[in-house]
Amino acid sequence: MTALSTRPALTPAPTATLLPVSPALLQGEILLATRTHTAWGAGVTAKMYVPLERSRVWQQLVDYPRWQQYFPDVTHSRVLSVATPEESALTVERRLYQAASKSFLFISAQVEVYLRVVETAEQRIEFEFESGSFIDFGADLQLQDCGSGTVLTYDVQATPLIPIPSLFIQQAIQWDLPANMRTMRQVICA
């Protein structure tokens, strides 16, 4: 079953703009905003500061098998195919397979997803749902310069096939995503 994300497209980050950020972000806090996406789904936007240049962060992010180290619940992450559209040497398209296992309260689930990934060099990664254990899924990851480091913004929304009230999904995100983002930063900076 294939569904398209209804989120508006985000504008790619300018290549040399300094982003004003809060002191908490620069001190390592993960800024998180959850939202209802559908009756059975949720969305979240997370921001974190990474004390590395954008090019170095980018190299780590597009190493998709390494996402298993960033997110402990991800059990598989592999690239299925790669294409570089002729019209742009700055854009790369990939097909990606990811699987995860998650337990929360009284619910345990194994999910998998096939994604079309569009990379805009050192700026943005768009994850578009093709098929898998969701009604819909979409994510955007953007990088912006911030002093000598990078602000990573990760926006994701999903509706699982299993009807779980949005409130439970939002709560699970609030508990898990900040720790996962800290792990991601630690692995990227290692």
C-alpha atoms as a PDB file:
ATOM      1  CA  MET A   1       0.000   0.000   0.000  1.00  0.00           C
ATOM      2  CA  THR A   2       1.432   3.350  -0.984  1.00  0.00           C
ATOM      3  CA  ALA A   3       0.462   6.727   0.446  1.00  0.00           C
ATOM      4  CA  LEU A   4       1.859  10.140  -0.223  1.00  0.00           C
ATOM      5  CA  SER A   5       2.875  12.604   2.439  1.00  0.00           C
ATOM      6  CA  THR A   6       0.677  15.680   2.550  1.00  0.00           C
ATOM      7  CA  ARG A   7       3.269  17.838   4.285  1.00  0.00           C
ATOM      8  CA  PRO A   8       4.270  21.020   2.502  1.00  0.00           C
ATOM      9  CA  ALA A   9       7.736  20.958   1.010  1.00  0.00           C
ATOM     10  CA  LEU A  10      10.409  22.661   3.044  1.00  0.00           C
ATOM     11  CA  THR A  11      12.713  25.203   1.483  1.00  0.00           C
ATOM     12  CA  PRO A  12      16.320  23.970   1.259  1.00  0.00           C
ATOM     13  CA  ALA A  13      18.717  25.638   3.651  1.00  0.00           C
ATOM     14  CA  PRO A  14      20.864  28.403   2.192  1.00  0.00           C
ATOM     15  CA  THR A  15      24.456  27.315   1.832  1.00  0.00           C
ATOM     16  CA  ALA A  16      26.131  30.013   3.932  1.00  0.00           C
ATOM     17  CA  THR A  17      23.512  31.463   6.251  1.00  0.00           C
ATOM     18  CA  LEU A  18      24.113  31.595   9.979  1.00  0.00           C
ATOM     19  CA  LEU A  19      21.040  30.468  11.851  1.00  0.00           C
ATOM     20  CA  PRO A  20      20.026  32.264  15.054  1.00  0.00           C
ATOM     21  CA  VAL A  21      19.582  29.628  17.760  1.00  0.00           C
ATOM     22  CA  SER A  22      18.712  29.453  21.417  1.00  0.00           C
ATOM     23  CA  PRO A  23      21.452  29.055  24.041  1.00  0.00           C
ATOM     24  CA  ALA A  24      19.836  25.764  25.133  1.00  0.00           C
ATOM     25  CA  LEU A  25      20.359  24.303  21.667  1.00  0.00           C
ATOM     26  CA  LEU A  26      24.032  25.316  21.662  1.00  0.00           C
ATOM     27  CA  GLN A  27      24.440  23.760  25.115  1.00  0.00           C
ATOM     28  CA  GLY A  28      23.328  20.373  23.809  1.00  0.00           C
ATOM     29  CA  GLU A  29      19.577  20.372  24.420  1.00  0.00           C
ATOM     30  CA  ILE A  30      17.357  18.619  21.897  1.00  0.00           C
ATOM     31  CA  LEU A  31      14.429  20.906  21.049  1.00  0.00           C
ATOM     32  CA  LEU A  32      11.317  18.871  20.391  1.00  0.00           C
ATOM     33  CA  ALA A  33       7.781  19.689  19.266  1.00  0.00           C
ATOM     34  CA  THR A  34       5.234  16.887  18.839  1.00  0.00           C
ATOM     35  CA  ARG A  35       1.924  17.183  17.050  1.00  0.00           C
ATOM     36  CA  THR A  36      -1.063  15.111  16.072  1.00  0.00           C
ATOM     37  CA  HIS A  37      -0.782  13.990  12.466  1.00  0.00           C
ATOM     38  CA  THR A  38      -3.882  11.802  12.143  1.00  0.00           C
ATOM     39  CA  ALA A  39      -6.125  10.146  14.739  1.00  0.00           C
ATOM     40  CA  TRP A  40      -3.648   7.224  14.838  1.00  0.00           C
ATOM     41  CA  GLY A  41      -0.447   8.988  13.916  1.00  0.00           C
ATOM     42  CA  ALA A  42       1.915  11.661  15.113  1.00  0.00           C
ATOM     43  CA  GLY A  43       4.469  14.118  13.901  1.00  0.00           C
ATOM     44  CA  VAL A  44       7.538  15.629  15.488  1.00  0.00           C
ATOM     45  CA  THR A  45      10.152  18.234  14.741  1.00  0.00           C
ATOM     46  CA  ALA A  46      13.463  17.862  16.561  1.00  0.00           C
ATOM     47  CA  LYS A  47      16.462  20.200  16.424  1.00  0.00           C
ATOM     48  CA  MET A  48      19.966  19.676  17.692  1.00  0.00           C
ATOM     49  CA  TYR A  49      23.317  21.375  17.391  1.00  0.00           C
ATOM     50  CA  VAL A  50      26.274  19.326  16.164  1.00  0.00           C
ATOM     51  CA  PRO A  51      29.710  20.903  16.790  1.00  0.00           C
ATOM     52  CA  LEU A  52      31.036  19.938  13.348  1.00  0.00           C
ATOM     53  CA  GLU A  53      31.019  21.588   9.936  1.00  0.00           C
ATOM     54  CA  ARG A  54      28.017  20.758   7.782  1.00  0.00           C
ATOM     55  CA  SER A  55      30.099  18.785   5.238  1.00  0.00           C
ATOM     56  CA  ARG A  56      31.344  16.429   7.965  1.00  0.00           C
ATOM     57  CA  VAL A  57      27.837  15.922   9.382  1.00  0.00           C
ATOM     58  CA  TRP A  58      26.504  15.255   5.872  1.00  0.00           C
ATOM     59  CA  GLN A  59      29.067  12.516   5.213  1.00  0.00           C
ATOM     60  CA  GLN A  60      27.850  10.670   8.307  1.00  0.00           C
ATOM     61  CA  LEU A  61      24.129  11.098   7.597  1.00  0.00           C
ATOM     62  CA  VAL A  62      24.188   9.677   4.067  1.00  0.00           C
ATOM     63  CA  ASP A  63      25.873   6.511   5.350  1.00  0.00           C
ATOM     64  CA  TYR A  64      22.463   4.862   5.804  1.00  0.00           C
ATOM     65  CA  PRO A  65      23.637   1.497   7.197  1.00  0.00           C
ATOM     66  CA  ARG A  66      25.119   3.527  10.052  1.00  0.00           C
ATOM     67  CA  TRP A  67      21.618   4.677  11.089  1.00  0.00           C
ATOM     68  CA  GLN A  68      21.428   1.471  13.148  1.00  0.00           C
ATOM     69  CA  GLN A  69      24.021   3.093  15.434  1.00  0.00           C
ATOM     70  CA  TYR A  70      22.066   6.362  15.653  1.00  0.00           C
ATOM     71  CA  PHE A  71      18.693   4.804  16.479  1.00  0.00           C
ATOM     72  CA  PRO A  72      18.912   1.677  18.668  1.00  0.00           C
ATOM     73  CA  ASP A  73      15.454   0.444  17.573  1.00  0.00           C
ATOM     74  CA  VAL A  74      16.523   0.328  13.903  1.00  0.00           C
ATOM     75  CA  THR A  75      17.482  -3.277  13.154  1.00  0.00           C
ATOM     76  CA  HIS A  76      18.181  -2.911   9.405  1.00  0.00           C
ATOM     77  CA  SER A  77      19.066   0.055   7.215  1.00  0.00           C
ATOM     78  CA  ARG A  78      20.355  -0.511   3.717  1.00  0.00           C
ATOM     79  CA  VAL A  79      20.478   1.212   0.357  1.00  0.00           C
ATOM     80  CA  LEU A  80      18.700  -0.730  -2.383  1.00  0.00           C
ATOM     81  CA  SER A  81      19.571   1.506  -5.343  1.00  0.00           C
ATOM     82  CA  VAL A  82      21.195   4.845  -6.236  1.00  0.00           C
ATOM     83  CA  ALA A  83      20.480   7.259  -9.109  1.00  0.00           C
ATOM     84  CA  THR A  84      21.812  10.703  -9.948  1.00  0.00           C
ATOM     85  CA  PRO A  85      19.290  12.624 -12.064  1.00  0.00           C
ATOM     86  CA  GLU A  86      20.903  14.132 -15.160  1.00  0.00           C
ATOM     87  CA  GLU A  87      19.515  17.604 -14.500  1.00  0.00           C
ATOM     88  CA  SER A  88      21.362  18.062 -11.207  1.00  0.00           C
ATOM     89  CA  ALA A  89      24.711  16.858  -9.994  1.00  0.00           C
ATOM     90  CA  LEU A  90      23.756  18.186  -6.540  1.00  0.00           C
ATOM     91  CA  THR A  91      20.811  15.793  -6.140  1.00  0.00           C
ATOM     92  CA  VAL A  92      21.014  12.059  -5.537  1.00  0.00           C
ATOM     93  CA  GLU A  93      18.050   9.693  -5.305  1.00  0.00           C
ATOM     94  CA  ARG A  94      18.185   6.416  -3.428  1.00  0.00           C
ATOM     95  CA  ARG A  95      15.810   3.657  -2.464  1.00  0.00           C
ATOM     96  CA  LEU A  96      16.209   2.649   1.149  1.00  0.00           C
ATOM     97  CA  TYR A  97      14.921  -0.205   3.286  1.00  0.00           C
ATOM     98  CA  GLN A  98      14.697   0.177   7.053  1.00  0.00           C
ATOM     99  CA  ALA A  99      13.273  -2.090   9.739  1.00  0.00           C
ATOM    100  CA  ALA A 100      12.802  -1.452  13.452  1.00  0.00           C
ATOM    101  CA  SER A 101      11.529  -3.149  16.565  1.00  0.00           C
ATOM    102  CA  LYS A 102       9.881  -1.119  19.328  1.00  0.00           C
ATOM    103  CA  SER A 103       8.197  -1.796  22.642  1.00  0.00           C
ATOM    104  CA  PHE A 104       6.236   0.875  24.469  1.00  0.00           C
ATOM    105  CA  LEU A 105       4.027   0.273  27.492  1.00  0.00           C
ATOM    106  CA  PHE A 106       1.941  -2.772  26.542  1.00  0.00           C
ATOM    107  CA  ILE A 107       2.607  -2.599  22.787  1.00  0.00           C
ATOM    108  CA  SER A 108       5.414  -4.312  20.894  1.00  0.00           C
ATOM    109  CA  ALA A 109       5.805  -3.848  17.156  1.00  0.00           C
ATOM    110  CA  GLN A 110       8.119  -4.673  14.307  1.00  0.00           C
ATOM    111  CA  VAL A 111       7.900  -2.297  11.368  1.00  0.00           C
ATOM    112  CA  GLU A 112       9.556  -1.967   8.006  1.00  0.00           C
ATOM    113  CA  VAL A 113       9.548   0.745   5.400  1.00  0.00           C
ATOM    114  CA  TYR A 114      10.727   1.214   1.837  1.00  0.00           C
ATOM    115  CA  LEU A 115      11.616   4.821   1.139  1.00  0.00           C
ATOM    116  CA  ARG A 116      12.533   7.002  -1.790  1.00  0.00           C
ATOM    117  CA  VAL A 117      15.278   9.279  -0.529  1.00  0.00           C
ATOM    118  CA  VAL A 118      16.153  12.545  -2.263  1.00  0.00           C
ATOM    119  CA  GLU A 119      19.401  14.153  -1.137  1.00  0.00           C
ATOM    120  CA  THR A 120      20.250  17.777  -1.888  1.00  0.00           C
ATOM    121  CA  ALA A 121      23.991  17.954  -1.302  1.00  0.00           C
ATOM    122  CA  GLU A 122      24.874  19.002   2.251  1.00  0.00           C
ATOM    123  CA  GLN A 123      21.469  20.644   2.779  1.00  0.00           C
ATOM    124  CA  ARG A 124      18.502  18.313   2.912  1.00  0.00           C
ATOM    125  CA  ILE A 125      17.388  14.688   2.875  1.00  0.00           C
ATOM    126  CA  GLU A 126      13.748  13.961   2.031  1.00  0.00           C
ATOM    127  CA  PHE A 127      12.351  10.542   2.931  1.00  0.00           C
ATOM    128  CA  GLU A 128       9.249   9.660   0.893  1.00  0.00           C
ATOM    129  CA  PHE A 129       7.133   6.620   1.743  1.00  0.00           C
ATOM    130  CA  GLU A 130       6.853   3.892  -0.893  1.00  0.00           C
ATOM    131  CA  SER A 131       5.539   0.919   1.087  1.00  0.00           C
ATOM    132  CA  GLY A 132       5.724  -0.766   4.453  1.00  0.00           C
ATOM    133  CA  SER A 133       4.132  -1.033   7.884  1.00  0.00           C
ATOM    134  CA  PHE A 134       2.544   2.428   7.798  1.00  0.00           C
ATOM    135  CA  ILE A 135      -0.465   4.091   6.273  1.00  0.00           C
ATOM    136  CA  ASP A 136       1.794   7.048   5.604  1.00  0.00           C
ATOM    137  CA  PHE A 137       5.303   8.122   6.499  1.00  0.00           C
ATOM    138  CA  GLY A 138       7.412  11.115   5.568  1.00  0.00           C
ATOM    139  CA  ALA A 139      10.479  12.828   6.922  1.00  0.00           C
ATOM    140  CA  ASP A 140      12.758  15.747   6.142  1.00  0.00           C
ATOM    141  CA  LEU A 141      16.213  16.261   7.559  1.00  0.00           C
ATOM    142  CA  GLN A 142      17.808  19.676   7.047  1.00  0.00           C
ATOM    143  CA  LEU A 143      21.252  21.005   7.865  1.00  0.00           C
ATOM    144  CA  GLN A 144      22.076  24.664   8.466  1.00  0.00           C
ATOM    145  CA  ASP A 145      25.322  26.389   9.353  1.00  0.00           C
ATOM    146  CA  CYS A 146      25.539  27.739  12.890  1.00  0.00           C
ATOM    147  CA  GLY A 147      28.866  29.310  13.774  1.00  0.00           C
ATOM    148  CA  SER A 148      31.500  26.588  13.438  1.00  0.00           C
ATOM    149  CA  GLY A 149      28.844  23.873  13.773  1.00  0.00           C
ATOM    150  CA  THR A 150      25.591  22.692  12.252  1.00  0.00           C
ATOM    151  CA  VAL A 151      21.948  22.703  13.294  1.00  0.00           C
ATOM    152  CA  LEU A 152      20.206  19.481  12.290  1.00  0.00           C
ATOM    153  CA  THR A 153      16.405  19.687  12.001  1.00  0.00           C
ATOM    154  CA  TYR A 154      14.551  16.386  11.698  1.00  0.00           C
ATOM    155  CA  ASP A 155      10.841  16.528  10.881  1.00  0.00           C
ATOM    156  CA  VAL A 156       8.914  13.260  10.698  1.00  0.00           C
ATOM    157  CA  GLN A 157       5.291  12.213  10.638  1.00  0.00           C
ATOM    158  CA  ALA A 158       3.755   8.777  10.385  1.00  0.00           C
ATOM    159  CA  THR A 159       0.559   6.825  10.792  1.00  0.00           C
ATOM    160  CA  PRO A 160       1.086   3.141  11.672  1.00  0.00           C
ATOM    161  CA  LEU A 161      -1.133   0.383  10.276  1.00  0.00           C
ATOM    162  CA  ILE A 162      -1.949  -0.672  13.843  1.00  0.00           C
ATOM    163  CA  PRO A 163      -4.385   1.857  15.328  1.00  0.00           C
ATOM    164  CA  ILE A 164      -2.557   3.424  18.260  1.00  0.00           C
ATOM    165  CA  PRO A 165      -3.955   6.661  19.661  1.00  0.00           C
ATOM    166  CA  SER A 166      -1.894   9.673  18.643  1.00  0.00           C
ATOM    167  CA  LEU A 167      -1.364  10.639  22.291  1.00  0.00           C
ATOM    168  CA  PHE A 168       0.511   7.362  22.987  1.00  0.00           C
ATOM    169  CA  ILE A 169       2.722   7.836  19.926  1.00  0.00           C
ATOM    170  CA  GLN A 170       3.524  11.415  20.929  1.00  0.00           C
ATOM    171  CA  GLN A 171       4.446  10.260  24.438  1.00  0.00           C
ATOM    172  CA  ALA A 172       6.760   7.551  23.078  1.00  0.00           C
ATOM    173  CA  ILE A 173       8.438  10.127  20.835  1.00  0.00           C
ATOM    174  CA  GLN A 174       8.977  12.514  23.750  1.00  0.00           C
ATOM    175  CA  TRP A 175      10.657   9.752  25.754  1.00  0.00           C
ATOM    176  CA  ASP A 176      12.800   8.206  23.008  1.00  0.00           C
ATOM    177  CA  LEU A 177      13.700  10.762  20.355  1.00  0.00           C
ATOM    178  CA  PRO A 178      15.851  13.103  22.477  1.00  0.00           C
ATOM    179  CA  ALA A 179      18.025  10.172  23.609  1.00  0.00           C
ATOM    180  CA  ASN A 180      18.239   8.871  20.041  1.00  0.00           C
ATOM    181  CA  MET A 181      19.270  12.315  18.765  1.00  0.00           C
ATOM    182  CA  ARG A 182      21.963  12.561  21.462  1.00  0.00           C
ATOM    183  CA  THR A 183      23.234   9.133  20.397  1.00  0.00           C
ATOM    184  CA  MET A 184      23.253  10.294  16.783  1.00  0.00           C
ATOM    185  CA  ARG A 185      25.304  13.368  17.718  1.00  0.00           C
ATOM    186  CA  GLN A 186      27.733  11.269  19.770  1.00  0.00           C
ATOM    187  CA  VAL A 187      28.282   8.775  16.918  1.00  0.00           C
ATOM    188  CA  ILE A 188      28.651  11.542  14.308  1.00  0.00           C
ATOM    189  CA  CYS A 189      31.225  13.386  16.464  1.00  0.00           C
ATOM    190  CA  ALA A 190      33.243  10.269  17.366  1.00  0.00           C
END
